[in-house]
mmCIF file of all heavy atoms, coordinates in Angstrom:
data_MODEL
# 
_entry.id   MODEL 
# 
loop_
_atom_site.group_PDB 
_atom_site.id 
_atom_site.type_symbol 
_atom_site.label_atom_id 
_atom_site.label_alt_id 
_atom_site.label_comp_id 
_atom_site.label_asym_id 
_atom_site.label_entity_id 
_atom_site.label_seq_id 
_atom_site.pdbx_PDB_ins_code 
_atom_site.Cartn_x 
_atom_site.Cartn_y 
_atom_site.Cartn_z 
_atom_site.occupancy 
_atom_site.B_iso_or_equiv 
_atom_site.pdbx_formal_charge 
_atom_site.auth_seq_id 
_atom_site.auth_comp_id 
_atom_site.auth_asym_id 
_atom_site.auth_atom_id 
_atom_site.pdbx_PDB_model_num 
ATOM 1   N N   . PRO A 1 1  ? 1.011  -5.304  -33.529 1.00 0.00 ? 1  PRO A N   1 
ATOM 2   C CA  . PRO A 1 1  ? 2.361  -5.002  -34.006 1.00 0.00 ? 1  PRO A CA  1 
ATOM 3   C C   . PRO A 1 1  ? 3.142  -4.248  -32.944 1.00 0.00 ? 1  PRO A C   1 
ATOM 4   O O   . PRO A 1 1  ? 2.568  -3.591  -32.076 1.00 0.00 ? 1  PRO A O   1 
ATOM 5   C CB  . PRO A 1 1  ? 2.094  -4.125  -35.247 1.00 0.00 ? 1  PRO A CB  1 
ATOM 6   C CG  . PRO A 1 1  ? 0.691  -4.445  -35.659 1.00 0.00 ? 1  PRO A CG  1 
ATOM 7   C CD  . PRO A 1 1  ? -0.041 -4.782  -34.399 1.00 0.00 ? 1  PRO A CD  1 
ATOM 8   N N   . LEU A 1 2  ? 4.477  -4.320  -33.036 1.00 0.00 ? 2  LEU A N   1 
ATOM 9   C CA  . LEU A 1 2  ? 5.319  -3.660  -32.040 1.00 0.00 ? 2  LEU A CA  1 
ATOM 10  C C   . LEU A 1 2  ? 5.055  -2.158  -32.019 1.00 0.00 ? 2  LEU A C   1 
ATOM 11  O O   . LEU A 1 2  ? 4.935  -1.518  -33.060 1.00 0.00 ? 2  LEU A O   1 
ATOM 12  C CB  . LEU A 1 2  ? 6.795  -3.902  -32.343 1.00 0.00 ? 2  LEU A CB  1 
ATOM 13  C CG  . LEU A 1 2  ? 7.311  -5.318  -32.195 1.00 0.00 ? 2  LEU A CG  1 
ATOM 14  C CD1 . LEU A 1 2  ? 8.825  -5.335  -32.349 1.00 0.00 ? 2  LEU A CD1 1 
ATOM 15  C CD2 . LEU A 1 2  ? 6.914  -5.915  -30.861 1.00 0.00 ? 2  LEU A CD2 1 
ATOM 16  N N   . SER A 1 3  ? 4.970  -1.617  -30.804 1.00 0.00 ? 3  SER A N   1 
ATOM 17  C CA  . SER A 1 3  ? 4.819  -0.176  -30.631 1.00 0.00 ? 3  SER A CA  1 
ATOM 18  C C   . SER A 1 3  ? 6.198  0.386   -30.290 1.00 0.00 ? 3  SER A C   1 
ATOM 19  O O   . SER A 1 3  ? 6.586  0.444   -29.123 1.00 0.00 ? 3  SER A O   1 
ATOM 20  C CB  . SER A 1 3  ? 3.816  0.126   -29.515 1.00 0.00 ? 3  SER A CB  1 
ATOM 21  O OG  . SER A 1 3  ? 2.528  -0.346  -29.861 1.00 0.00 ? 3  SER A OG  1 
ATOM 22  N N   . LEU A 1 4  ? 6.935  0.772   -31.303 1.00 0.00 ? 4  LEU A N   1 
ATOM 23  C CA  . LEU A 1 4  ? 8.262  1.322   -31.089 1.00 0.00 ? 4  LEU A CA  1 
ATOM 24  C C   . LEU A 1 4  ? 8.149  2.775   -30.641 1.00 0.00 ? 4  LEU A C   1 
ATOM 25  O O   . LEU A 1 4  ? 7.138  3.433   -30.899 1.00 0.00 ? 4  LEU A O   1 
ATOM 26  C CB  . LEU A 1 4  ? 9.092  1.198   -32.359 1.00 0.00 ? 4  LEU A CB  1 
ATOM 27  C CG  . LEU A 1 4  ? 9.345  -0.238  -32.824 1.00 0.00 ? 4  LEU A CG  1 
ATOM 28  C CD1 . LEU A 1 4  ? 10.081 -0.257  -34.150 1.00 0.00 ? 4  LEU A CD1 1 
ATOM 29  C CD2 . LEU A 1 4  ? 10.124 -1.030  -31.772 1.00 0.00 ? 4  LEU A CD2 1 
ATOM 30  N N   . PRO A 1 5  ? 9.151  3.294   -29.956 1.00 0.00 ? 5  PRO A N   1 
ATOM 31  C CA  . PRO A 1 5  ? 9.043  4.644   -29.400 1.00 0.00 ? 5  PRO A CA  1 
ATOM 32  C C   . PRO A 1 5  ? 8.813  5.709   -30.465 1.00 0.00 ? 5  PRO A C   1 
ATOM 33  O O   . PRO A 1 5  ? 9.414  5.679   -31.549 1.00 0.00 ? 5  PRO A O   1 
ATOM 34  C CB  . PRO A 1 5  ? 10.389 4.847   -28.709 1.00 0.00 ? 5  PRO A CB  1 
ATOM 35  C CG  . PRO A 1 5  ? 10.896 3.469   -28.436 1.00 0.00 ? 5  PRO A CG  1 
ATOM 36  C CD  . PRO A 1 5  ? 10.407 2.637   -29.567 1.00 0.00 ? 5  PRO A CD  1 
ATOM 37  N N   . ALA A 1 6  ? 7.934  6.653   -30.155 1.00 0.00 ? 6  ALA A N   1 
ATOM 38  C CA  . ALA A 1 6  ? 7.705  7.803   -31.023 1.00 0.00 ? 6  ALA A CA  1 
ATOM 39  C C   . ALA A 1 6  ? 8.817  8.823   -30.817 1.00 0.00 ? 6  ALA A C   1 
ATOM 40  O O   . ALA A 1 6  ? 9.522  8.796   -29.801 1.00 0.00 ? 6  ALA A O   1 
ATOM 41  C CB  . ALA A 1 6  ? 6.345  8.425   -30.701 1.00 0.00 ? 6  ALA A CB  1 
ATOM 42  N N   . PRO A 1 7  ? 9.014  9.738   -31.778 1.00 0.00 ? 7  PRO A N   1 
ATOM 43  C CA  . PRO A 1 7  ? 10.027 10.783  -31.593 1.00 0.00 ? 7  PRO A CA  1 
ATOM 44  C C   . PRO A 1 7  ? 9.814  11.543  -30.285 1.00 0.00 ? 7  PRO A C   1 
ATOM 45  O O   . PRO A 1 7  ? 8.702  11.971  -29.983 1.00 0.00 ? 7  PRO A O   1 
ATOM 46  C CB  . PRO A 1 7  ? 9.815  11.686  -32.813 1.00 0.00 ? 7  PRO A CB  1 
ATOM 47  C CG  . PRO A 1 7  ? 9.236  10.785  -33.859 1.00 0.00 ? 7  PRO A CG  1 
ATOM 48  C CD  . PRO A 1 7  ? 8.362  9.826   -33.106 1.00 0.00 ? 7  PRO A CD  1 
ATOM 49  N N   . GLY A 1 8  ? 10.862 11.684  -29.513 1.00 0.00 ? 8  GLY A N   1 
ATOM 50  C CA  . GLY A 1 8  ? 10.794 12.410  -28.259 1.00 0.00 ? 8  GLY A CA  1 
ATOM 51  C C   . GLY A 1 8  ? 10.243 11.627  -27.089 1.00 0.00 ? 8  GLY A C   1 
ATOM 52  O O   . GLY A 1 8  ? 10.172 12.150  -25.972 1.00 0.00 ? 8  GLY A O   1 
ATOM 53  N N   . GLU A 1 9  ? 9.850  10.379  -27.305 1.00 0.00 ? 9  GLU A N   1 
ATOM 54  C CA  . GLU A 1 9  ? 9.266  9.585   -26.221 1.00 0.00 ? 9  GLU A CA  1 
ATOM 55  C C   . GLU A 1 9  ? 10.335 9.181   -25.215 1.00 0.00 ? 9  GLU A C   1 
ATOM 56  O O   . GLU A 1 9  ? 11.447 8.796   -25.576 1.00 0.00 ? 9  GLU A O   1 
ATOM 57  C CB  . GLU A 1 9  ? 8.608  8.335   -26.805 1.00 0.00 ? 9  GLU A CB  1 
ATOM 58  C CG  . GLU A 1 9  ? 7.804  7.535   -25.803 1.00 0.00 ? 9  GLU A CG  1 
ATOM 59  C CD  . GLU A 1 9  ? 6.989  6.434   -26.459 1.00 0.00 ? 9  GLU A CD  1 
ATOM 60  O OE1 . GLU A 1 9  ? 7.071  6.274   -27.695 1.00 0.00 ? 9  GLU A OE1 1 
ATOM 61  O OE2 . GLU A 1 9  ? 6.274  5.717   -25.734 1.00 0.00 ? 9  GLU A OE2 1 
ATOM 62  N N   . ARG A 1 10 ? 9.993  9.272   -23.919 1.00 0.00 ? 10 ARG A N   1 
ATOM 63  C CA  . ARG A 1 10 ? 10.934 8.911   -22.868 1.00 0.00 ? 10 ARG A CA  1 
ATOM 64  C C   . ARG A 1 10 ? 10.895 7.401   -22.627 1.00 0.00 ? 10 ARG A C   1 
ATOM 65  O O   . ARG A 1 10 ? 9.823  6.783   -22.677 1.00 0.00 ? 10 ARG A O   1 
ATOM 66  C CB  . ARG A 1 10 ? 10.586 9.643   -21.575 1.00 0.00 ? 10 ARG A CB  1 
ATOM 67  C CG  . ARG A 1 10 ? 10.752 11.146  -21.658 1.00 0.00 ? 10 ARG A CG  1 
ATOM 68  C CD  . ARG A 1 10 ? 10.070 11.827  -20.505 1.00 0.00 ? 10 ARG A CD  1 
ATOM 69  N NE  . ARG A 1 10 ? 10.680 11.480  -19.217 1.00 0.00 ? 10 ARG A NE  1 
ATOM 70  C CZ  . ARG A 1 10 ? 10.143 11.780  -18.040 1.00 0.00 ? 10 ARG A CZ  1 
ATOM 71  N NH1 . ARG A 1 10 ? 8.975  12.415  -17.978 1.00 0.00 ? 10 ARG A NH1 1 
ATOM 72  N NH2 . ARG A 1 10 ? 10.762 11.461  -16.918 1.00 0.00 ? 10 ARG A NH2 1 
ATOM 73  N N   . PRO A 1 11 ? 12.045 6.781   -22.344 1.00 0.00 ? 11 PRO A N   1 
ATOM 74  C CA  . PRO A 1 11 ? 12.054 5.359   -21.991 1.00 0.00 ? 11 PRO A CA  1 
ATOM 75  C C   . PRO A 1 11 ? 11.264 5.119   -20.705 1.00 0.00 ? 11 PRO A C   1 
ATOM 76  O O   . PRO A 1 11 ? 11.349 5.903   -19.753 1.00 0.00 ? 11 PRO A O   1 
ATOM 77  C CB  . PRO A 1 11 ? 13.544 5.054   -21.786 1.00 0.00 ? 11 PRO A CB  1 
ATOM 78  C CG  . PRO A 1 11 ? 14.273 6.140   -22.511 1.00 0.00 ? 11 PRO A CG  1 
ATOM 79  C CD  . PRO A 1 11 ? 13.412 7.347   -22.378 1.00 0.00 ? 11 PRO A CD  1 
ATOM 80  N N   . ARG A 1 12 ? 10.537 4.012   -20.677 1.00 0.00 ? 12 ARG A N   1 
ATOM 81  C CA  . ARG A 1 12 ? 9.708  3.690   -19.517 1.00 0.00 ? 12 ARG A CA  1 
ATOM 82  C C   . ARG A 1 12 ? 10.043 2.276   -19.025 1.00 0.00 ? 12 ARG A C   1 
ATOM 83  O O   . ARG A 1 12 ? 10.078 1.328   -19.804 1.00 0.00 ? 12 ARG A O   1 
ATOM 84  C CB  . ARG A 1 12 ? 8.214  3.790   -19.858 1.00 0.00 ? 12 ARG A CB  1 
ATOM 85  C CG  . ARG A 1 12 ? 7.756  5.217   -20.117 1.00 0.00 ? 12 ARG A CG  1 
ATOM 86  C CD  . ARG A 1 12 ? 6.244  5.305   -20.301 1.00 0.00 ? 12 ARG A CD  1 
ATOM 87  N NE  . ARG A 1 12 ? 5.795  4.587   -21.484 1.00 0.00 ? 12 ARG A NE  1 
ATOM 88  C CZ  . ARG A 1 12 ? 5.748  5.110   -22.708 1.00 0.00 ? 12 ARG A CZ  1 
ATOM 89  N NH1 . ARG A 1 12 ? 6.149  6.359   -22.926 1.00 0.00 ? 12 ARG A NH1 1 
ATOM 90  N NH2 . ARG A 1 12 ? 5.317  4.393   -23.727 1.00 0.00 ? 12 ARG A NH2 1 
ATOM 91  N N   . LEU A 1 13 ? 10.267 2.190   -17.722 1.00 0.00 ? 13 LEU A N   1 
ATOM 92  C CA  . LEU A 1 13 ? 10.627 0.934   -17.063 1.00 0.00 ? 13 LEU A CA  1 
ATOM 93  C C   . LEU A 1 13 ? 9.603  0.625   -15.988 1.00 0.00 ? 13 LEU A C   1 
ATOM 94  O O   . LEU A 1 13 ? 9.272  1.487   -15.163 1.00 0.00 ? 13 LEU A O   1 
ATOM 95  C CB  . LEU A 1 13 ? 12.010 1.069   -16.419 1.00 0.00 ? 13 LEU A CB  1 
ATOM 96  C CG  . LEU A 1 13 ? 12.462 -0.053  -15.483 1.00 0.00 ? 13 LEU A CG  1 
ATOM 97  C CD1 . LEU A 1 13 ? 12.650 -1.357  -16.239 1.00 0.00 ? 13 LEU A CD1 1 
ATOM 98  C CD2 . LEU A 1 13 ? 13.756 0.337   -14.761 1.00 0.00 ? 13 LEU A CD2 1 
ATOM 99  N N   . LEU A 1 14 ? 9.109  -0.617  -15.977 1.00 0.00 ? 14 LEU A N   1 
ATOM 100 C CA  . LEU A 1 14 ? 8.211  -1.091  -14.933 1.00 0.00 ? 14 LEU A CA  1 
ATOM 101 C C   . LEU A 1 14 ? 8.882  -2.243  -14.205 1.00 0.00 ? 14 LEU A C   1 
ATOM 102 O O   . LEU A 1 14 ? 9.359  -3.193  -14.836 1.00 0.00 ? 14 LEU A O   1 
ATOM 103 C CB  . LEU A 1 14 ? 6.873  -1.543  -15.527 1.00 0.00 ? 14 LEU A CB  1 
ATOM 104 C CG  . LEU A 1 14 ? 5.800  -2.007  -14.548 1.00 0.00 ? 14 LEU A CG  1 
ATOM 105 C CD1 . LEU A 1 14 ? 4.413  -1.641  -15.068 1.00 0.00 ? 14 LEU A CD1 1 
ATOM 106 C CD2 . LEU A 1 14 ? 5.850  -3.515  -14.298 1.00 0.00 ? 14 LEU A CD2 1 
ATOM 107 N N   . THR A 1 15 ? 8.950  -2.157  -12.874 1.00 0.00 ? 15 THR A N   1 
ATOM 108 C CA  . THR A 1 15 ? 9.494  -3.256  -12.073 1.00 0.00 ? 15 THR A CA  1 
ATOM 109 C C   . THR A 1 15 ? 8.380  -3.809  -11.195 1.00 0.00 ? 15 THR A C   1 
ATOM 110 O O   . THR A 1 15 ? 7.581  -3.049  -10.638 1.00 0.00 ? 15 THR A O   1 
ATOM 111 C CB  . THR A 1 15 ? 10.680 -2.800  -11.212 1.00 0.00 ? 15 THR A CB  1 
ATOM 112 O OG1 . THR A 1 15 ? 10.235 -1.898  -10.188 1.00 0.00 ? 15 THR A OG1 1 
ATOM 113 C CG2 . THR A 1 15 ? 11.735 -2.114  -12.062 1.00 0.00 ? 15 THR A CG2 1 
ATOM 114 N N   . VAL A 1 16 ? 8.325  -5.128  -11.074 1.00 0.00 ? 16 VAL A N   1 
ATOM 115 C CA  . VAL A 1 16 ? 7.250  -5.791  -10.349 1.00 0.00 ? 16 VAL A CA  1 
ATOM 116 C C   . VAL A 1 16 ? 7.835  -6.509  -9.140  1.00 0.00 ? 16 VAL A C   1 
ATOM 117 O O   . VAL A 1 16 ? 8.736  -7.346  -9.276  1.00 0.00 ? 16 VAL A O   1 
ATOM 118 C CB  . VAL A 1 16 ? 6.502  -6.806  -11.242 1.00 0.00 ? 16 VAL A CB  1 
ATOM 119 C CG1 . VAL A 1 16 ? 5.229  -7.287  -10.546 1.00 0.00 ? 16 VAL A CG1 1 
ATOM 120 C CG2 . VAL A 1 16 ? 6.155  -6.192  -12.595 1.00 0.00 ? 16 VAL A CG2 1 
ATOM 121 N N   . HIS A 1 17 ? 7.309  -6.177  -7.946  1.00 0.00 ? 17 HIS A N   1 
ATOM 122 C CA  . HIS A 1 17 ? 7.825  -6.730  -6.696  1.00 0.00 ? 17 HIS A CA  1 
ATOM 123 C C   . HIS A 1 17 ? 6.700  -7.294  -5.845  1.00 0.00 ? 17 HIS A C   1 
ATOM 124 O O   . HIS A 1 17 ? 5.528  -6.940  -6.016  1.00 0.00 ? 17 HIS A O   1 
ATOM 125 C CB  . HIS A 1 17 ? 8.586  -5.656  -5.919  1.00 0.00 ? 17 HIS A CB  1 
ATOM 126 C CG  . HIS A 1 17 ? 9.838  -5.225  -6.602  1.00 0.00 ? 17 HIS A CG  1 
ATOM 127 N ND1 . HIS A 1 17 ? 10.991 -5.978  -6.571  1.00 0.00 ? 17 HIS A ND1 1 
ATOM 128 C CD2 . HIS A 1 17 ? 10.114 -4.134  -7.359  1.00 0.00 ? 17 HIS A CD2 1 
ATOM 129 C CE1 . HIS A 1 17 ? 11.935 -5.361  -7.271  1.00 0.00 ? 17 HIS A CE1 1 
ATOM 130 N NE2 . HIS A 1 17 ? 11.423 -4.247  -7.759  1.00 0.00 ? 17 HIS A NE2 1 
ATOM 131 N N   . ALA A 1 18 ? 7.081  -8.156  -4.912  1.00 0.00 ? 18 ALA A N   1 
ATOM 132 C CA  . ALA A 1 18 ? 6.099  -8.847  -4.086  1.00 0.00 ? 18 ALA A CA  1 
ATOM 133 C C   . ALA A 1 18 ? 5.644  -8.010  -2.904  1.00 0.00 ? 18 ALA A C   1 
ATOM 134 O O   . ALA A 1 18 ? 4.440  -7.953  -2.598  1.00 0.00 ? 18 ALA A O   1 
ATOM 135 C CB  . ALA A 1 18 ? 6.663  -10.177 -3.595  1.00 0.00 ? 18 ALA A CB  1 
ATOM 136 N N   . HIS A 1 19 ? 6.587  -7.370  -2.199  1.00 0.00 ? 19 HIS A N   1 
ATOM 137 C CA  . HIS A 1 19 ? 6.293  -6.681  -0.941  1.00 0.00 ? 19 HIS A CA  1 
ATOM 138 C C   . HIS A 1 19 ? 6.967  -5.313  -0.920  1.00 0.00 ? 19 HIS A C   1 
ATOM 139 O O   . HIS A 1 19 ? 7.990  -5.126  -1.576  1.00 0.00 ? 19 HIS A O   1 
ATOM 140 C CB  . HIS A 1 19 ? 6.840  -7.488  0.257   1.00 0.00 ? 19 HIS A CB  1 
ATOM 141 C CG  . HIS A 1 19 ? 6.471  -8.919  0.256   1.00 0.00 ? 19 HIS A CG  1 
ATOM 142 N ND1 . HIS A 1 19 ? 7.374  -9.926  -0.039  1.00 0.00 ? 19 HIS A ND1 1 
ATOM 143 C CD2 . HIS A 1 19 ? 5.287  -9.527  0.521   1.00 0.00 ? 19 HIS A CD2 1 
ATOM 144 C CE1 . HIS A 1 19 ? 6.752  -11.103 0.042   1.00 0.00 ? 19 HIS A CE1 1 
ATOM 145 N NE2 . HIS A 1 19 ? 5.497  -10.895 0.376   1.00 0.00 ? 19 HIS A NE2 1 
ATOM 146 N N   . PRO A 1 20 ? 6.450  -4.378  -0.130  1.00 0.00 ? 20 PRO A N   1 
ATOM 147 C CA  . PRO A 1 20 ? 7.195  -3.155  0.111   1.00 0.00 ? 20 PRO A CA  1 
ATOM 148 C C   . PRO A 1 20 ? 8.515  -3.483  0.818   1.00 0.00 ? 20 PRO A C   1 
ATOM 149 O O   . PRO A 1 20 ? 8.519  -4.243  1.784   1.00 0.00 ? 20 PRO A O   1 
ATOM 150 C CB  . PRO A 1 20 ? 6.254  -2.334  1.007   1.00 0.00 ? 20 PRO A CB  1 
ATOM 151 C CG  . PRO A 1 20 ? 5.306  -3.334  1.614   1.00 0.00 ? 20 PRO A CG  1 
ATOM 152 C CD  . PRO A 1 20 ? 5.171  -4.431  0.610   1.00 0.00 ? 20 PRO A CD  1 
ATOM 153 N N   . ASP A 1 21 ? 9.559  -2.956  0.328   1.00 0.00 ? 21 ASP A N   1 
ATOM 154 C CA  . ASP A 1 21 ? 10.990 -3.112  0.649   1.00 0.00 ? 21 ASP A CA  1 
ATOM 155 C C   . ASP A 1 21 ? 11.721 -3.894  -0.430  1.00 0.00 ? 21 ASP A C   1 
ATOM 156 O O   . ASP A 1 21 ? 12.922 -3.728  -0.616  1.00 0.00 ? 21 ASP A O   1 
ATOM 157 C CB  . ASP A 1 21 ? 11.293 -3.690  2.035   1.00 0.00 ? 21 ASP A CB  1 
ATOM 158 C CG  . ASP A 1 21 ? 11.088 -5.188  2.186   1.00 0.00 ? 21 ASP A CG  1 
ATOM 159 O OD1 . ASP A 1 21 ? 11.815 -5.960  1.544   1.00 0.00 ? 21 ASP A OD1 1 
ATOM 160 O OD2 . ASP A 1 21 ? 10.210 -5.579  2.970   1.00 0.00 ? 21 ASP A OD2 1 
ATOM 161 N N   . ASP A 1 22 ? 11.021 -4.783  -1.178  1.00 0.00 ? 22 ASP A N   1 
ATOM 162 C CA  . ASP A 1 22 ? 11.691 -5.522  -2.246  1.00 0.00 ? 22 ASP A CA  1 
ATOM 163 C C   . ASP A 1 22 ? 12.247 -4.576  -3.306  1.00 0.00 ? 22 ASP A C   1 
ATOM 164 O O   . ASP A 1 22 ? 13.304 -4.832  -3.876  1.00 0.00 ? 22 ASP A O   1 
ATOM 165 C CB  . ASP A 1 22 ? 10.735 -6.521  -2.900  1.00 0.00 ? 22 ASP A CB  1 
ATOM 166 C CG  . ASP A 1 22 ? 10.406 -7.708  -2.011  1.00 0.00 ? 22 ASP A CG  1 
ATOM 167 O OD1 . ASP A 1 22 ? 11.281 -8.132  -1.240  1.00 0.00 ? 22 ASP A OD1 1 
ATOM 168 O OD2 . ASP A 1 22 ? 9.266  -8.207  -2.081  1.00 0.00 ? 22 ASP A OD2 1 
ATOM 169 N N   . GLU A 1 23 ? 11.529 -3.492  -3.572  1.00 0.00 ? 23 GLU A N   1 
ATOM 170 C CA  . GLU A 1 23 ? 11.980 -2.549  -4.593  1.00 0.00 ? 23 GLU A CA  1 
ATOM 171 C C   . GLU A 1 23 ? 13.269 -1.838  -4.194  1.00 0.00 ? 23 GLU A C   1 
ATOM 172 O O   . GLU A 1 23 ? 14.001 -1.321  -5.052  1.00 0.00 ? 23 GLU A O   1 
ATOM 173 C CB  . GLU A 1 23 ? 10.879 -1.524  -4.899  1.00 0.00 ? 23 GLU A CB  1 
ATOM 174 C CG  . GLU A 1 23 ? 10.826 -0.315  -3.978  1.00 0.00 ? 23 GLU A CG  1 
ATOM 175 C CD  . GLU A 1 23 ? 10.560 -0.641  -2.512  1.00 0.00 ? 23 GLU A CD  1 
ATOM 176 O OE1 . GLU A 1 23 ? 9.816  -1.605  -2.227  1.00 0.00 ? 23 GLU A OE1 1 
ATOM 177 O OE2 . GLU A 1 23 ? 11.090 0.078   -1.634  1.00 0.00 ? 23 GLU A OE2 1 
ATOM 178 N N   . SER A 1 24 ? 13.553 -1.812  -2.873  1.00 0.00 ? 24 SER A N   1 
ATOM 179 C CA  . SER A 1 24 ? 14.761 -1.133  -2.390  1.00 0.00 ? 24 SER A CA  1 
ATOM 180 C C   . SER A 1 24 ? 15.934 -2.086  -2.207  1.00 0.00 ? 24 SER A C   1 
ATOM 181 O O   . SER A 1 24 ? 17.085 -1.643  -2.186  1.00 0.00 ? 24 SER A O   1 
ATOM 182 C CB  . SER A 1 24 ? 14.458 -0.418  -1.069  1.00 0.00 ? 24 SER A CB  1 
ATOM 183 O OG  . SER A 1 24 ? 13.506 0.608   -1.260  1.00 0.00 ? 24 SER A OG  1 
ATOM 184 N N   . SER A 1 25 ? 15.672 -3.368  -2.094  1.00 0.00 ? 25 SER A N   1 
ATOM 185 C CA  . SER A 1 25 ? 16.749 -4.351  -1.946  1.00 0.00 ? 25 SER A CA  1 
ATOM 186 C C   . SER A 1 25 ? 17.091 -5.041  -3.254  1.00 0.00 ? 25 SER A C   1 
ATOM 187 O O   . SER A 1 25 ? 18.077 -5.786  -3.322  1.00 0.00 ? 25 SER A O   1 
ATOM 188 C CB  . SER A 1 25 ? 16.360 -5.417  -0.901  1.00 0.00 ? 25 SER A CB  1 
ATOM 189 O OG  . SER A 1 25 ? 15.195 -6.117  -1.297  1.00 0.00 ? 25 SER A OG  1 
ATOM 190 N N   . LYS A 1 26 ? 16.310 -4.800  -4.303  1.00 0.00 ? 26 LYS A N   1 
ATOM 191 C CA  . LYS A 1 26 ? 16.504 -5.480  -5.586  1.00 0.00 ? 26 LYS A CA  1 
ATOM 192 C C   . LYS A 1 26 ? 16.391 -4.468  -6.726  1.00 0.00 ? 26 LYS A C   1 
ATOM 193 O O   . LYS A 1 26 ? 15.303 -4.073  -7.107  1.00 0.00 ? 26 LYS A O   1 
ATOM 194 C CB  . LYS A 1 26 ? 15.468 -6.589  -5.763  1.00 0.00 ? 26 LYS A CB  1 
ATOM 195 C CG  . LYS A 1 26 ? 15.481 -7.629  -4.649  1.00 0.00 ? 26 LYS A CG  1 
ATOM 196 C CD  . LYS A 1 26 ? 14.252 -8.516  -4.694  1.00 0.00 ? 26 LYS A CD  1 
ATOM 197 C CE  . LYS A 1 26 ? 14.237 -9.479  -3.519  1.00 0.00 ? 26 LYS A CE  1 
ATOM 198 N NZ  . LYS A 1 26 ? 14.107 -8.770  -2.217  1.00 0.00 ? 26 LYS A NZ  1 
ATOM 199 N N   . GLY A 1 27 ? 17.528 -4.054  -7.235  1.00 0.00 ? 27 GLY A N   1 
ATOM 200 C CA  . GLY A 1 27 ? 17.535 -3.182  -8.406  1.00 0.00 ? 27 GLY A CA  1 
ATOM 201 C C   . GLY A 1 27 ? 17.254 -1.722  -8.130  1.00 0.00 ? 27 GLY A C   1 
ATOM 202 O O   . GLY A 1 27 ? 16.964 -0.962  -9.059  1.00 0.00 ? 27 GLY A O   1 
ATOM 203 N N   . ALA A 1 28 ? 17.377 -1.291  -6.873  1.00 0.00 ? 28 ALA A N   1 
ATOM 204 C CA  . ALA A 1 28 ? 17.003 0.078   -6.532  1.00 0.00 ? 28 ALA A CA  1 
ATOM 205 C C   . ALA A 1 28 ? 17.959 1.111   -7.118  1.00 0.00 ? 28 ALA A C   1 
ATOM 206 O O   . ALA A 1 28 ? 17.534 2.205   -7.510  1.00 0.00 ? 28 ALA A O   1 
ATOM 207 C CB  . ALA A 1 28 ? 16.938 0.243   -5.018  1.00 0.00 ? 28 ALA A CB  1 
ATOM 208 N N   . ALA A 1 29 ? 19.252 0.809   -7.157  1.00 0.00 ? 29 ALA A N   1 
ATOM 209 C CA  . ALA A 1 29 ? 20.194 1.771   -7.733  1.00 0.00 ? 29 ALA A CA  1 
ATOM 210 C C   . ALA A 1 29 ? 19.941 1.947   -9.229  1.00 0.00 ? 29 ALA A C   1 
ATOM 211 O O   . ALA A 1 29 ? 20.102 3.047   -9.767  1.00 0.00 ? 29 ALA A O   1 
ATOM 212 C CB  . ALA A 1 29 ? 21.628 1.318   -7.482  1.00 0.00 ? 29 ALA A CB  1 
# 
């Protein structure tokens, strides 16, 4: 079942990239 956020839980984002530098040229801001 869906694990919806608990009270006080911080939003969490995971980004998946191929190489070092991709994380800075794609979505870094």
